[in-house]
């Protein structure tokens, strides 16, 4: 995602723990959400580029997806295998 913003400069302060808060106007303009990954690339001794990382699909998110389409009680794996083999 490449977004070119022509905004007035905004300053934020680095905390003792090394944290910064991105200005809300910038987050909204770039459509950033909590949990998104930002990669920090040093450009020079006094400049850093921040790149929004592409969201990777989470394979664990698919777990339980099929339960929306199943009616009634969940089946054990052995039940599913028996049903599949019945068609052979």
C-alpha atoms as a PDB file:
ATOM      1  CA  UNK A   1       0.000   0.000   0.000  1.00  0.00           C
ATOM      2  CA  UNK A   2       1.561   3.252  -1.083  1.00  0.00           C
ATOM      3  CA  UNK A   3      -0.063   6.392   0.220  1.00  0.00           C
ATOM      4  CA  UNK A   4       1.404   9.782  -0.454  1.00  0.00           C
ATOM      5  CA  UNK A   5       0.282  12.366   2.043  1.00  0.00           C
ATOM      6  CA  UNK A   6       0.850  16.046   1.774  1.00  0.00           C
ATOM      7  CA  UNK A   7       0.060  17.134   5.298  1.00  0.00           C
ATOM      8  CA  UNK A   8       1.642  19.662   7.538  1.00  0.00           C
ATOM      9  CA  UNK A   9       4.329  18.130   9.738  1.00  0.00           C
ATOM     10  CA  UNK A  10       3.227  16.634  13.005  1.00  0.00           C
ATOM     11  CA  UNK A  11       5.507  15.917  15.939  1.00  0.00           C
ATOM     12  CA  UNK A  12       5.201  13.148  18.494  1.00  0.00           C
ATOM     13  CA  UNK A  13       7.350  12.446  21.529  1.00  0.00           C
ATOM     14  CA  UNK A  14       9.305   9.243  22.160  1.00  0.00           C
ATOM     15  CA  UNK A  15       8.477   7.797  25.588  1.00  0.00           C
ATOM     16  CA  UNK A  16      10.964   6.315  28.069  1.00  0.00           C
ATOM     17  CA  UNK A  17       9.884   2.870  26.859  1.00  0.00           C
ATOM     18  CA  UNK A  18      10.671   3.751  23.222  1.00  0.00           C
ATOM     19  CA  UNK A  19       7.042   4.128  22.141  1.00  0.00           C
ATOM     20  CA  UNK A  20       5.455   6.725  19.869  1.00  0.00           C
ATOM     21  CA  UNK A  21       1.837   7.457  18.991  1.00  0.00           C
ATOM     22  CA  UNK A  22       0.973   7.966  15.352  1.00  0.00           C
ATOM     23  CA  UNK A  23      -1.233  11.033  14.862  1.00  0.00           C
ATOM     24  CA  UNK A  24      -4.910  10.067  14.524  1.00  0.00           C
ATOM     25  CA  UNK A  25      -5.380  12.115  11.332  1.00  0.00           C
ATOM     26  CA  UNK A  26      -2.583  10.144   9.666  1.00  0.00           C
ATOM     27  CA  UNK A  27      -4.006   6.779  10.846  1.00  0.00           C
ATOM     28  CA  UNK A  28      -7.425   7.681   9.450  1.00  0.00           C
ATOM     29  CA  UNK A  29      -6.028   8.941   6.145  1.00  0.00           C
ATOM     30  CA  UNK A  30      -4.036   5.717   5.675  1.00  0.00           C
ATOM     31  CA  UNK A  31      -6.923   3.500   6.937  1.00  0.00           C
ATOM     32  CA  UNK A  32      -4.693   1.885   9.592  1.00  0.00           C
ATOM     33  CA  UNK A  33      -6.225  -0.365  12.238  1.00  0.00           C
ATOM     34  CA  UNK A  34      -4.985  -1.662  15.583  1.00  0.00           C
ATOM     35  CA  UNK A  35      -2.726  -4.685  15.204  1.00  0.00           C
ATOM     36  CA  UNK A  36      -1.372  -3.797  11.764  1.00  0.00           C
ATOM     37  CA  UNK A  37       2.361  -4.265  11.356  1.00  0.00           C
ATOM     38  CA  UNK A  38       4.630  -1.301  10.609  1.00  0.00           C
ATOM     39  CA  UNK A  39       8.199  -1.868   9.421  1.00  0.00           C
ATOM     40  CA  UNK A  40      10.771   0.769  10.444  1.00  0.00           C
ATOM     41  CA  UNK A  41      13.596   1.267   7.903  1.00  0.00           C
ATOM     42  CA  UNK A  42      16.533   3.507   8.767  1.00  0.00           C
ATOM     43  CA  UNK A  43      17.226   5.902   5.895  1.00  0.00           C
ATOM     44  CA  UNK A  44      20.005   7.973   7.464  1.00  0.00           C
ATOM     45  CA  UNK A  45      21.313   8.884  10.902  1.00  0.00           C
ATOM     46  CA  UNK A  46      18.335  11.213  11.432  1.00  0.00           C
ATOM     47  CA  UNK A  47      15.613   9.794   9.188  1.00  0.00           C
ATOM     48  CA  UNK A  48      13.390   6.690   9.330  1.00  0.00           C
ATOM     49  CA  UNK A  49      10.881   5.345   6.803  1.00  0.00           C
ATOM     50  CA  UNK A  50       7.808   3.558   8.190  1.00  0.00           C
ATOM     51  CA  UNK A  51       6.232   1.027   5.817  1.00  0.00           C
ATOM     52  CA  UNK A  52       2.825  -0.588   6.356  1.00  0.00           C
ATOM     53  CA  UNK A  53       3.285  -4.345   6.016  1.00  0.00           C
ATOM     54  CA  UNK A  54       0.765  -6.273   3.943  1.00  0.00           C
ATOM     55  CA  UNK A  55      -1.618  -8.269   6.084  1.00  0.00           C
ATOM     56  CA  UNK A  56      -0.802 -11.973   5.959  1.00  0.00           C
ATOM     57  CA  UNK A  57      -3.694 -14.418   6.060  1.00  0.00           C
ATOM     58  CA  UNK A  58      -4.014 -16.063   9.458  1.00  0.00           C
ATOM     59  CA  UNK A  59      -4.455 -19.833   8.971  1.00  0.00           C
ATOM     60  CA  UNK A  60      -5.874 -20.231  12.473  1.00  0.00           C
ATOM     61  CA  UNK A  61      -8.683 -17.847  11.608  1.00  0.00           C
ATOM     62  CA  UNK A  62     -10.215 -20.517   9.361  1.00  0.00           C
ATOM     63  CA  UNK A  63     -10.681 -22.931  12.263  1.00  0.00           C
ATOM     64  CA  UNK A  64     -14.329 -23.226  13.112  1.00  0.00           C
ATOM     65  CA  UNK A  65     -15.406 -21.569   9.863  1.00  0.00           C
ATOM     66  CA  UNK A  66     -17.322 -24.663   8.743  1.00  0.00           C
ATOM     67  CA  UNK A  67     -19.387 -24.738  11.933  1.00  0.00           C
ATOM     68  CA  UNK A  68     -21.546 -21.939  10.510  1.00  0.00           C
ATOM     69  CA  UNK A  69     -22.752 -24.286   7.782  1.00  0.00           C
ATOM     70  CA  UNK A  70     -23.226 -27.427   9.878  1.00  0.00           C
ATOM     71  CA  UNK A  71     -26.617 -28.108  11.363  1.00  0.00           C
ATOM     72  CA  UNK A  72     -26.960 -29.781  14.734  1.00  0.00           C
ATOM     73  CA  UNK A  73     -24.244 -31.470  16.770  1.00  0.00           C
ATOM     74  CA  UNK A  74     -20.611 -31.487  15.641  1.00  0.00           C
ATOM     75  CA  UNK A  75     -19.357 -34.806  14.281  1.00  0.00           C
ATOM     76  CA  UNK A  76     -16.236 -36.682  15.321  1.00  0.00           C
ATOM     77  CA  UNK A  77     -13.545 -37.252  12.684  1.00  0.00           C
ATOM     78  CA  UNK A  78     -14.371 -40.969  12.623  1.00  0.00           C
ATOM     79  CA  UNK A  79     -18.006 -40.094  11.735  1.00  0.00           C
ATOM     80  CA  UNK A  80     -16.849 -37.901   8.840  1.00  0.00           C
ATOM     81  CA  UNK A  81     -14.485 -40.597   7.574  1.00  0.00           C
ATOM     82  CA  UNK A  82     -17.238 -43.224   7.743  1.00  0.00           C
ATOM     83  CA  UNK A  83     -19.548 -40.945   5.757  1.00  0.00           C
ATOM     84  CA  UNK A  84     -16.861 -40.285   3.139  1.00  0.00           C
ATOM     85  CA  UNK A  85     -15.990 -43.963   2.766  1.00  0.00           C
ATOM     86  CA  UNK A  86     -19.673 -44.894   2.356  1.00  0.00           C
ATOM     87  CA  UNK A  87     -19.615 -43.138  -0.998  1.00  0.00           C
ATOM     88  CA  UNK A  88     -16.737 -45.304  -2.333  1.00  0.00           C
END
